[in-house]
Amino acid sequence: MDKTIIIDSQPVVFRKTAGTMMRYKRQFGRELSPDLAKIYDVMPLLADYYDNSEKLTDDQKIAAAKIVLGIETEYMYDIAFIMAQQADPSIRDELEWLDRFENLNILAVFVQLLPLIQNELKIAPKNA
């Protein structure tokens, strides 16, 4: 499944396939599901934050920032990179890919990627 997200005025295609988990493990030496689980618990809070950020008080913004500081944003960058690389095999290096962007709000991108990746944490009854 593909999703195009505009990052720094550039359309970026992300792809999630059955091979995403294996590619992630081979690239980073970590399992995707536990990394997602660490992020997934706070993402609904962050999604709500981005949807309503102009309505939040300064205290609420500080509370949201503390949540952000408490999660592993590196995992978000790694997951986004693997999914972008799947969509565009010419992408070879994560840092070079990130350097294409002057600004990349990984939290805003990850909120948009959630519908593609959330199924990684679910087990279909027929597969249980």
Foldseek 3Di string as FASTA:
>chain_A
DWDWDQAQNDTFIFADDPCLQVLLCVVPVDGLQVLCVQVVVCLVVLVVCVVCVVVDDPVSVVVNVVVVVPHDCVSLLSSRLSRRCVVPVVDDDSVVVVVVHPDGPSSVVVSVCCVVPVCVNDDDPVRD
